Amino acid sequence: MEEIKINVAFRNMKNWKDSENRSEHVLDRIQRRGIGKEQILEAVKKGAKKIRDDKSIVSEFRWYKLVYREFRLEKEKIRKIYPITVMEA
């Protein structure tokens, strides 16, 4: 079974020039809605998913939607989750 790791901290990523702003945005949205890592994990594991044109994933679970990007590290069997935003469903 793959391990899931969630990363909401700022990370300088080549493809996302605004990754610092994204990090601040998602932390703000998570805090405002009272969502913790447990709820993010639940949405990733159990939510109904749609893939958007930009390859980000929208997972709808209970009363909220999580938009995130996922990277799989096959060698270590890890799924890295980078939340983009959280919104009410």
PDB file of N, CA and C in Angstrom:
ATOM      1  N   MET A   1       0.839  -1.187   0.000  1.00  0.00           N
ATOM      2  CA  MET A   1       0.000   0.000   0.000  1.00  0.00           C
ATOM      3  C   MET A   1       0.882   1.248   0.000  1.00  0.00           C
ATOM      4  N   GLU A   2       0.473   2.234  -0.780  1.00  0.00           N
ATOM      5  CA  GLU A   2       1.227   3.464  -0.863  1.00  0.00           C
ATOM      6  C   GLU A   2       0.960   4.354   0.350  1.00  0.00           C
ATOM      7  N   GLU A   3       2.004   5.018   0.776  1.00  0.00           N
ATOM      8  CA  GLU A   3       1.887   5.996   1.840  1.00  0.00           C
ATOM      9  C   GLU A   3       1.504   7.325   1.198  1.00  0.00           C
ATOM     10  N   ILE A   4       0.626   8.085   1.865  1.00  0.00           N
ATOM     11  CA  ILE A   4       0.224   9.391   1.354  1.00  0.00           C
ATOM     12  C   ILE A   4       0.838  10.461   2.244  1.00  0.00           C
ATOM     13  N   LYS A   5       1.555  11.402   1.625  1.00  0.00           N
ATOM     14  CA  LYS A   5       2.138  12.524   2.348  1.00  0.00           C
ATOM     15  C   LYS A   5       1.526  13.802   1.819  1.00  0.00           C
ATOM     16  N   ILE A   6       1.133  14.674   2.743  1.00  0.00           N
ATOM     17  CA  ILE A   6       0.517  15.946   2.384  1.00  0.00           C
ATOM     18  C   ILE A   6       1.521  17.052   2.651  1.00  0.00           C
ATOM     19  N   ASN A   7       1.660  17.951   1.685  1.00  0.00           N
ATOM     20  CA  ASN A   7       2.602  19.049   1.832  1.00  0.00           C
ATOM     21  C   ASN A   7       1.885  20.350   1.518  1.00  0.00           C
ATOM     22  N   VAL A   8       1.660  21.178   2.546  1.00  0.00           N
ATOM     23  CA  VAL A   8       1.040  22.480   2.334  1.00  0.00           C
ATOM     24  C   VAL A   8       2.052  23.606   2.506  1.00  0.00           C
ATOM     25  N   ALA A   9       3.275  23.270   2.868  1.00  0.00           N
ATOM     26  CA  ALA A   9       4.301  24.281   3.074  1.00  0.00           C
ATOM     27  C   ALA A   9       4.810  24.792   1.732  1.00  0.00           C
ATOM     28  N   PHE A  10       5.367  25.997   1.759  1.00  0.00           N
ATOM     29  CA  PHE A  10       5.906  26.598   0.538  1.00  0.00           C
ATOM     30  C   PHE A  10       7.038  25.737  -0.002  1.00  0.00           C
ATOM     31  N   ARG A  11       7.013  25.578  -1.314  1.00  0.00           N
ATOM     32  CA  ARG A  11       8.088  24.866  -1.989  1.00  0.00           C
ATOM     33  C   ARG A  11       8.308  25.550  -3.327  1.00  0.00           C
ATOM     34  N   ASN A  12       9.523  25.887  -3.612  1.00  0.00           N
ATOM     35  CA  ASN A  12       9.828  26.564  -4.865  1.00  0.00           C
ATOM     36  C   ASN A  12       9.789  25.543  -5.997  1.00  0.00           C
ATOM     37  N   MET A  13       8.749  25.615  -6.811  1.00  0.00           N
ATOM     38  CA  MET A  13       8.574  24.658  -7.891  1.00  0.00           C
ATOM     39  C   MET A  13       8.701  25.375  -9.225  1.00  0.00           C
ATOM     40  N   LYS A  14       9.451  24.798 -10.136  1.00  0.00           N
ATOM     41  CA  LYS A  14       9.713  25.400 -11.446  1.00  0.00           C
ATOM     42  C   LYS A  14       8.432  25.681 -12.230  1.00  0.00           C
ATOM     43  N   ASN A  15       7.532  24.737 -12.238  1.00  0.00           N
ATOM     44  CA  ASN A  15       6.326  24.856 -13.054  1.00  0.00           C
ATOM     45  C   ASN A  15       5.312  25.846 -12.492  1.00  0.00           C
ATOM     46  N   TRP A  16       5.376  26.113 -11.202  1.00  0.00           N
ATOM     47  CA  TRP A  16       4.420  27.008 -10.571  1.00  0.00           C
ATOM     48  C   TRP A  16       5.166  28.232 -10.074  1.00  0.00           C
ATOM     49  N   LYS A  17       5.154  29.285 -10.849  1.00  0.00           N
ATOM     50  CA  LYS A  17       5.864  30.508 -10.474  1.00  0.00           C
ATOM     51  C   LYS A  17       5.263  31.132  -9.219  1.00  0.00           C
ATOM     52  N   ASP A  18       4.000  30.870  -8.974  1.00  0.00           N
ATOM     53  CA  ASP A  18       3.320  31.462  -7.817  1.00  0.00           C
ATOM     54  C   ASP A  18       3.187  30.483  -6.650  1.00  0.00           C
ATOM     55  N   SER A  19       4.112  29.548  -6.507  1.00  0.00           N
ATOM     56  CA  SER A  19       3.965  28.501  -5.488  1.00  0.00           C
ATOM     57  C   SER A  19       3.943  29.062  -4.066  1.00  0.00           C
ATOM     58  N   GLU A  20       4.622  30.177  -3.810  1.00  0.00           N
ATOM     59  CA  GLU A  20       4.557  30.774  -2.468  1.00  0.00           C
ATOM     60  C   GLU A  20       3.148  31.314  -2.208  1.00  0.00           C
ATOM     61  N   ASN A  21       2.562  31.962  -3.193  1.00  0.00           N
ATOM     62  CA  ASN A  21       1.187  32.454  -3.040  1.00  0.00           C
ATOM     63  C   ASN A  21       0.201  31.307  -2.883  1.00  0.00           C
ATOM     64  N   ARG A  22       0.405  30.238  -3.629  1.00  0.00           N
ATOM     65  CA  ARG A  22      -0.470  29.061  -3.507  1.00  0.00           C
ATOM     66  C   ARG A  22      -0.416  28.493  -2.089  1.00  0.00           C
ATOM     67  N   SER A  23       0.775  28.411  -1.541  1.00  0.00           N
ATOM     68  CA  SER A  23       0.948  27.870  -0.199  1.00  0.00           C
ATOM     69  C   SER A  23       0.200  28.722   0.827  1.00  0.00           C
ATOM     70  N   GLU A  24       0.362  30.040   0.746  1.00  0.00           N
ATOM     71  CA  GLU A  24      -0.336  30.942   1.664  1.00  0.00           C
ATOM     72  C   GLU A  24      -1.846  30.822   1.485  1.00  0.00           C
ATOM     73  N   HIS A  25      -2.293  30.735   0.246  1.00  0.00           N
ATOM     74  CA  HIS A  25      -3.721  30.625  -0.050  1.00  0.00           C
ATOM     75  C   HIS A  25      -4.326  29.368   0.557  1.00  0.00           C
ATOM     76  N   VAL A  26      -3.698  28.236   0.327  1.00  0.00           N
ATOM     77  CA  VAL A  26      -4.280  26.985   0.820  1.00  0.00           C
ATOM     78  C   VAL A  26      -4.255  26.938   2.345  1.00  0.00           C
ATOM     79  N   LEU A  27      -3.210  27.427   2.977  1.00  0.00           N
ATOM     80  CA  LEU A  27      -3.177  27.457   4.445  1.00  0.00           C
ATOM     81  C   LEU A  27      -4.298  28.332   4.989  1.00  0.00           C
ATOM     82  N   ASP A  28      -4.539  29.472   4.357  1.00  0.00           N
ATOM     83  CA  ASP A  28      -5.625  30.360   4.765  1.00  0.00           C
ATOM     84  C   ASP A  28      -6.974  29.668   4.615  1.00  0.00           C
ATOM     85  N   ARG A  29      -7.206  29.019   3.488  1.00  0.00           N
ATOM     86  CA  ARG A  29      -8.485  28.339   3.241  1.00  0.00           C
ATOM     87  C   ARG A  29      -8.714  27.180   4.208  1.00  0.00           C
ATOM     88  N   ILE A  30      -7.672  26.439   4.499  1.00  0.00           N
ATOM     89  CA  ILE A  30      -7.790  25.313   5.428  1.00  0.00           C
ATOM     90  C   ILE A  30      -8.157  25.819   6.818  1.00  0.00           C
ATOM     91  N   GLN A  31      -7.470  26.855   7.274  1.00  0.00           N
ATOM     92  CA  GLN A  31      -7.738  27.403   8.607  1.00  0.00           C
ATOM     93  C   GLN A  31      -9.142  27.988   8.696  1.00  0.00           C
ATOM     94  N   ARG A  32      -9.563  28.731   7.681  1.00  0.00           N
ATOM     95  CA  ARG A  32     -10.900  29.352   7.689  1.00  0.00           C
ATOM     96  C   ARG A  32     -12.012  28.321   7.751  1.00  0.00           C
ATOM     97  N   ARG A  33     -11.802  27.185   7.134  1.00  0.00           N
ATOM     98  CA  ARG A  33     -12.847  26.169   7.081  1.00  0.00           C
ATOM     99  C   ARG A  33     -12.691  25.092   8.153  1.00  0.00           C
ATOM    100  N   GLY A  34     -11.686  25.214   8.980  1.00  0.00           N
ATOM    101  CA  GLY A  34     -11.495  24.255  10.065  1.00  0.00           C
ATOM    102  C   GLY A  34     -11.159  22.856   9.581  1.00  0.00           C
ATOM    103  N   ILE A  35     -10.416  22.782   8.506  1.00  0.00           N
ATOM    104  CA  ILE A  35     -10.049  21.489   7.933  1.00  0.00           C
ATOM    105  C   ILE A  35      -8.614  21.167   8.314  1.00  0.00           C
ATOM    106  N   GLY A  36      -8.399  19.945   8.745  1.00  0.00           N
ATOM    107  CA  GLY A  36      -7.064  19.493   9.113  1.00  0.00           C
ATOM    108  C   GLY A  36      -6.536  18.462   8.133  1.00  0.00           C
ATOM    109  N   LYS A  37      -5.356  17.959   8.421  1.00  0.00           N
ATOM    110  CA  LYS A  37      -4.751  16.949   7.537  1.00  0.00           C
ATOM    111  C   LYS A  37      -5.598  15.692   7.448  1.00  0.00           C
ATOM    112  N   GLU A  38      -6.312  15.364   8.521  1.00  0.00           N
ATOM    113  CA  GLU A  38      -7.153  14.167   8.505  1.00  0.00           C
ATOM    114  C   GLU A  38      -8.260  14.294   7.457  1.00  0.00           C
ATOM    115  N   GLN A  39      -8.885  15.501   7.383  1.00  0.00           N
ATOM    116  CA  GLN A  39      -9.946  15.711   6.412  1.00  0.00           C
ATOM    117  C   GLN A  39      -9.394  15.739   4.983  1.00  0.00           C
ATOM    118  N   ILE A  40      -8.178  16.256   4.812  1.00  0.00           N
ATOM    119  CA  ILE A  40      -7.550  16.241   3.494  1.00  0.00           C
ATOM    120  C   ILE A  40      -7.299  14.801   3.067  1.00  0.00           C
ATOM    121  N   LEU A  41      -6.790  13.995   3.977  1.00  0.00           N
ATOM    122  CA  LEU A  41      -6.557  12.571   3.679  1.00  0.00           C
ATOM    123  C   LEU A  41      -7.860  11.863   3.322  1.00  0.00           C
ATOM    124  N   GLU A  42      -8.931  12.151   4.073  1.00  0.00           N
ATOM    125  CA  GLU A  42     -10.229  11.534   3.777  1.00  0.00           C
ATOM    126  C   GLU A  42     -10.704  11.901   2.378  1.00  0.00           C
ATOM    127  N   ALA A  43     -10.560  13.181   2.027  1.00  0.00           N
ATOM    128  CA  ALA A  43     -10.990  13.612   0.696  1.00  0.00           C
ATOM    129  C   ALA A  43     -10.175  12.930  -0.393  1.00  0.00           C
ATOM    130  N   VAL A  44      -8.874  12.785  -0.175  1.00  0.00           N
ATOM    131  CA  VAL A  44      -8.013  12.130  -1.164  1.00  0.00           C
ATOM    132  C   VAL A  44      -8.384  10.656  -1.293  1.00  0.00           C
ATOM    133  N   LYS A  45      -8.630  10.001  -0.185  1.00  0.00           N
ATOM    134  CA  LYS A  45      -8.924   8.559  -0.218  1.00  0.00           C
ATOM    135  C   LYS A  45     -10.356   8.245  -0.650  1.00  0.00           C
ATOM    136  N   LYS A  46     -11.349   9.020  -0.153  1.00  0.00           N
ATOM    137  CA  LYS A  46     -12.746   8.633  -0.311  1.00  0.00           C
ATOM    138  C   LYS A  46     -13.581   9.527  -1.218  1.00  0.00           C
ATOM    139  N   GLY A  47     -13.074  10.701  -1.556  1.00  0.00           N
ATOM    140  CA  GLY A  47     -13.873  11.661  -2.311  1.00  0.00           C
ATOM    141  C   GLY A  47     -14.069  11.286  -3.764  1.00  0.00           C
ATOM    142  N   ALA A  48     -15.171  11.800  -4.339  1.00  0.00           N
ATOM    143  CA  ALA A  48     -15.430  11.639  -5.768  1.00  0.00           C
ATOM    144  C   ALA A  48     -14.495  12.591  -6.508  1.00  0.00           C
ATOM    145  N   LYS A  49     -13.768  12.067  -7.499  1.00  0.00           N
ATOM    146  CA  LYS A  49     -12.716  12.845  -8.139  1.00  0.00           C
ATOM    147  C   LYS A  49     -13.001  13.169  -9.594  1.00  0.00           C
ATOM    148  N   LYS A  50     -12.513  14.360  -9.984  1.00  0.00           N
ATOM    149  CA  LYS A  50     -12.527  14.793 -11.378  1.00  0.00           C
ATOM    150  C   LYS A  50     -11.145  15.353 -11.677  1.00  0.00           C
ATOM    151  N   ILE A  51     -10.653  15.085 -12.872  1.00  0.00           N
ATOM    152  CA  ILE A  51      -9.366  15.645 -13.292  1.00  0.00           C
ATOM    153  C   ILE A  51      -9.641  16.823 -14.203  1.00  0.00           C
ATOM    154  N   ARG A  52      -9.052  17.976 -13.862  1.00  0.00           N
ATOM    155  CA  ARG A  52      -9.239  19.180 -14.661  1.00  0.00           C
ATOM    156  C   ARG A  52      -8.240  19.209 -15.818  1.00  0.00           C
ATOM    157  N   ASP A  53      -8.442  20.138 -16.734  1.00  0.00           N
ATOM    158  CA  ASP A  53      -7.574  20.266 -17.910  1.00  0.00           C
ATOM    159  C   ASP A  53      -6.111  20.496 -17.541  1.00  0.00           C
ATOM    160  N   ASP A  54      -5.871  21.194 -16.425  1.00  0.00           N
ATOM    161  CA  ASP A  54      -4.491  21.470 -16.006  1.00  0.00           C
ATOM    162  C   ASP A  54      -3.880  20.321 -15.208  1.00  0.00           C
ATOM    163  N   LYS A  55      -4.562  19.181 -15.194  1.00  0.00           N
ATOM    164  CA  LYS A  55      -4.133  17.945 -14.526  1.00  0.00           C
ATOM    165  C   LYS A  55      -4.221  17.998 -13.003  1.00  0.00           C
ATOM    166  N   SER A  56      -4.819  19.049 -12.460  1.00  0.00           N
ATOM    167  CA  SER A  56      -5.080  19.048 -11.018  1.00  0.00           C
ATOM    168  C   SER A  56      -6.330  18.205 -10.777  1.00  0.00           C
ATOM    169  N   ILE A  57      -6.504  17.761  -9.553  1.00  0.00           N
ATOM    170  CA  ILE A  57      -7.600  16.856  -9.205  1.00  0.00           C
ATOM    171  C   ILE A  57      -8.539  17.575  -8.244  1.00  0.00           C
ATOM    172  N   VAL A  58      -9.833  17.444  -8.494  1.00  0.00           N
ATOM    173  CA  VAL A  58     -10.852  17.990  -7.591  1.00  0.00           C
ATOM    174  C   VAL A  58     -11.520  16.802  -6.923  1.00  0.00           C
ATOM    175  N   SER A  59     -11.431  16.770  -5.611  1.00  0.00           N
ATOM    176  CA  SER A  59     -12.047  15.689  -4.848  1.00  0.00           C
ATOM    177  C   SER A  59     -13.160  16.272  -3.986  1.00  0.00           C
ATOM    178  N   GLU A  60     -14.393  15.824  -4.215  1.00  0.00           N
ATOM    179  CA  GLU A  60     -15.539  16.306  -3.444  1.00  0.00           C
ATOM    180  C   GLU A  60     -15.872  15.274  -2.375  1.00  0.00           C
ATOM    181  N   PHE A  61     -15.874  15.732  -1.123  1.00  0.00           N
ATOM    182  CA  PHE A  61     -16.119  14.823  -0.009  1.00  0.00           C
ATOM    183  C   PHE A  61     -16.883  15.572   1.077  1.00  0.00           C
ATOM    184  N   ARG A  62     -17.958  14.968   1.546  1.00  0.00           N
ATOM    185  CA  ARG A  62     -18.827  15.567   2.556  1.00  0.00           C
ATOM    186  C   ARG A  62     -19.236  16.971   2.149  1.00  0.00           C
ATOM    187  N   TRP A  63     -18.824  17.992   2.885  1.00  0.00           N
ATOM    188  CA  TRP A  63     -19.262  19.369   2.647  1.00  0.00           C
ATOM    189  C   TRP A  63     -18.204  20.244   1.987  1.00  0.00           C
ATOM    190  N   TYR A  64     -17.107  19.665   1.546  1.00  0.00           N
ATOM    191  CA  TYR A  64     -16.038  20.478   0.967  1.00  0.00           C
ATOM    192  C   TYR A  64     -15.427  19.808  -0.257  1.00  0.00           C
ATOM    193  N   LYS A  65     -14.744  20.646  -1.049  1.00  0.00           N
ATOM    194  CA  LYS A  65     -13.990  20.172  -2.215  1.00  0.00           C
ATOM    195  C   LYS A  65     -12.531  20.510  -1.992  1.00  0.00           C
ATOM    196  N   LEU A  66     -11.679  19.608  -2.362  1.00  0.00           N
ATOM    197  CA  LEU A  66     -10.236  19.789  -2.271  1.00  0.00           C
ATOM    198  C   LEU A  66      -9.676  19.755  -3.689  1.00  0.00           C
ATOM    199  N   VAL A  67      -8.924  20.787  -4.046  1.00  0.00           N
ATOM    200  CA  VAL A  67      -8.242  20.811  -5.337  1.00  0.00           C
ATOM    201  C   VAL A  67      -6.771  20.603  -5.032  1.00  0.00           C
ATOM    202  N   TYR A  68      -6.166  19.629  -5.689  1.00  0.00           N
ATOM    203  CA  TYR A  68      -4.777  19.301  -5.379  1.00  0.00           C
ATOM    204  C   TYR A  68      -4.059  18.730  -6.583  1.00  0.00           C
ATOM    205  N   ARG A  69      -2.756  18.669  -6.456  1.00  0.00           N
ATOM    206  CA  ARG A  69      -1.918  17.975  -7.436  1.00  0.00           C
ATOM    207  C   ARG A  69      -1.297  16.779  -6.719  1.00  0.00           C
ATOM    208  N   GLU A  70      -1.092  15.736  -7.476  1.00  0.00           N
ATOM    209  CA  GLU A  70      -0.548  14.511  -6.892  1.00  0.00           C
ATOM    210  C   GLU A  70       0.668  14.062  -7.689  1.00  0.00           C
ATOM    211  N   PHE A  71       1.700  13.685  -6.954  1.00  0.00           N
ATOM    212  CA  PHE A  71       2.905  13.134  -7.564  1.00  0.00           C
ATOM    213  C   PHE A  71       3.162  11.780  -6.927  1.00  0.00           C
ATOM    214  N   ARG A  72       3.446  10.799  -7.744  1.00  0.00           N
ATOM    215  CA  ARG A  72       3.724   9.455  -7.231  1.00  0.00           C
ATOM    216  C   ARG A  72       5.213   9.170  -7.339  1.00  0.00           C
ATOM    217  N   LEU A  73       5.785   8.767  -6.224  1.00  0.00           N
ATOM    218  CA  LEU A  73       7.179   8.357  -6.193  1.00  0.00           C
ATOM    219  C   LEU A  73       7.181   6.840  -6.149  1.00  0.00           C
ATOM    220  N   GLU A  74       7.282   6.233  -7.302  1.00  0.00           N
ATOM    221  CA  GLU A  74       7.167   4.771  -7.430  1.00  0.00           C
ATOM    222  C   GLU A  74       8.228   4.034  -6.621  1.00  0.00           C
ATOM    223  N   LYS A  75       9.425   4.559  -6.645  1.00  0.00           N
ATOM    224  CA  LYS A  75      10.532   3.887  -5.964  1.00  0.00           C
ATOM    225  C   LYS A  75      10.263   3.717  -4.464  1.00  0.00           C
ATOM    226  N   GLU A  76       9.711   4.782  -3.850  1.00  0.00           N
ATOM    227  CA  GLU A  76       9.444   4.753  -2.405  1.00  0.00           C
ATOM    228  C   GLU A  76       7.998   4.411  -2.082  1.00  0.00           C
ATOM    229  N   LYS A  77       7.166   4.245  -3.127  1.00  0.00           N
ATOM    230  CA  LYS A  77       5.739   3.945  -2.966  1.00  0.00           C
ATOM    231  C   LYS A  77       5.041   5.008  -2.125  1.00  0.00           C
ATOM    232  N   ILE A  78       5.239   6.254  -2.517  1.00  0.00           N
ATOM    233  CA  ILE A  78       4.646   7.391  -1.813  1.00  0.00           C
ATOM    234  C   ILE A  78       3.836   8.210  -2.795  1.00  0.00           C
ATOM    235  N   ARG A  79       2.645   8.652  -2.350  1.00  0.00           N
ATOM    236  CA  ARG A  79       1.834   9.611  -3.102  1.00  0.00           C
ATOM    237  C   ARG A  79       1.970  10.954  -2.394  1.00  0.00           C
ATOM    238  N   LYS A  80       2.541  11.935  -3.068  1.00  0.00           N
ATOM    239  CA  LYS A  80       2.690  13.267  -2.492  1.00  0.00           C
ATOM    240  C   LYS A  80       1.527  14.125  -2.963  1.00  0.00           C
ATOM    241  N   ILE A  81       0.849  14.731  -2.009  1.00  0.00           N
ATOM    242  CA  ILE A  81      -0.317  15.548  -2.269  1.00  0.00           C
ATOM    243  C   ILE A  81       0.031  17.001  -1.984  1.00  0.00           C
ATOM    244  N   TYR A  82      -0.188  17.859  -2.976  1.00  0.00           N
ATOM    245  CA  TYR A  82       0.026  19.295  -2.823  1.00  0.00           C
ATOM    246  C   TYR A  82      -1.324  19.995  -2.996  1.00  0.00           C
ATOM    247  N   PRO A  83      -2.011  20.315  -1.875  1.00  0.00           N
ATOM    248  CA  PRO A  83      -3.286  21.007  -1.981  1.00  0.00           C
ATOM    249  C   PRO A  83      -3.147  22.380  -2.628  1.00  0.00           C
ATOM    250  N   ILE A  84      -4.100  22.748  -3.463  1.00  0.00           N
ATOM    251  CA  ILE A  84      -4.124  24.057  -4.102  1.00  0.00           C
ATOM    252  C   ILE A  84      -5.147  24.952  -3.413  1.00  0.00           C
ATOM    253  N   THR A  85      -6.331  24.415  -3.179  1.00  0.00           N
ATOM    254  CA  THR A  85      -7.351  25.176  -2.454  1.00  0.00           C
ATOM    255  C   THR A  85      -8.391  24.223  -1.884  1.00  0.00           C
ATOM    256  N   VAL A  86      -9.150  24.755  -0.954  1.00  0.00           N
ATOM    257  CA  VAL A  86     -10.265  24.019  -0.341  1.00  0.00           C
ATOM    258  C   VAL A  86     -11.477  24.950  -0.416  1.00  0.00           C
ATOM    259  N   MET A  87     -12.622  24.405  -0.828  1.00  0.00           N
ATOM    260  CA  MET A  87     -13.837  25.222  -0.923  1.00  0.00           C
ATOM    261  C   MET A  87     -15.024  24.409  -0.454  1.00  0.00           C
ATOM    262  N   GLU A  88     -16.079  25.127  -0.140  1.00  0.00           N
ATOM    263  CA  GLU A  88     -17.305  24.446   0.266  1.00  0.00           C
ATOM    264  C   GLU A  88     -17.993  23.874  -0.963  1.00  0.00           C
ATOM    265  N   ALA A  89     -18.544  22.687  -0.805  1.00  0.00           N
ATOM    266  CA  ALA A  89     -19.207  22.011  -1.935  1.00  0.00           C
ATOM    267  C   ALA A  89     -20.567  22.594  -2.205  1.00  0.00           C
TER     268      ALA A  89
END
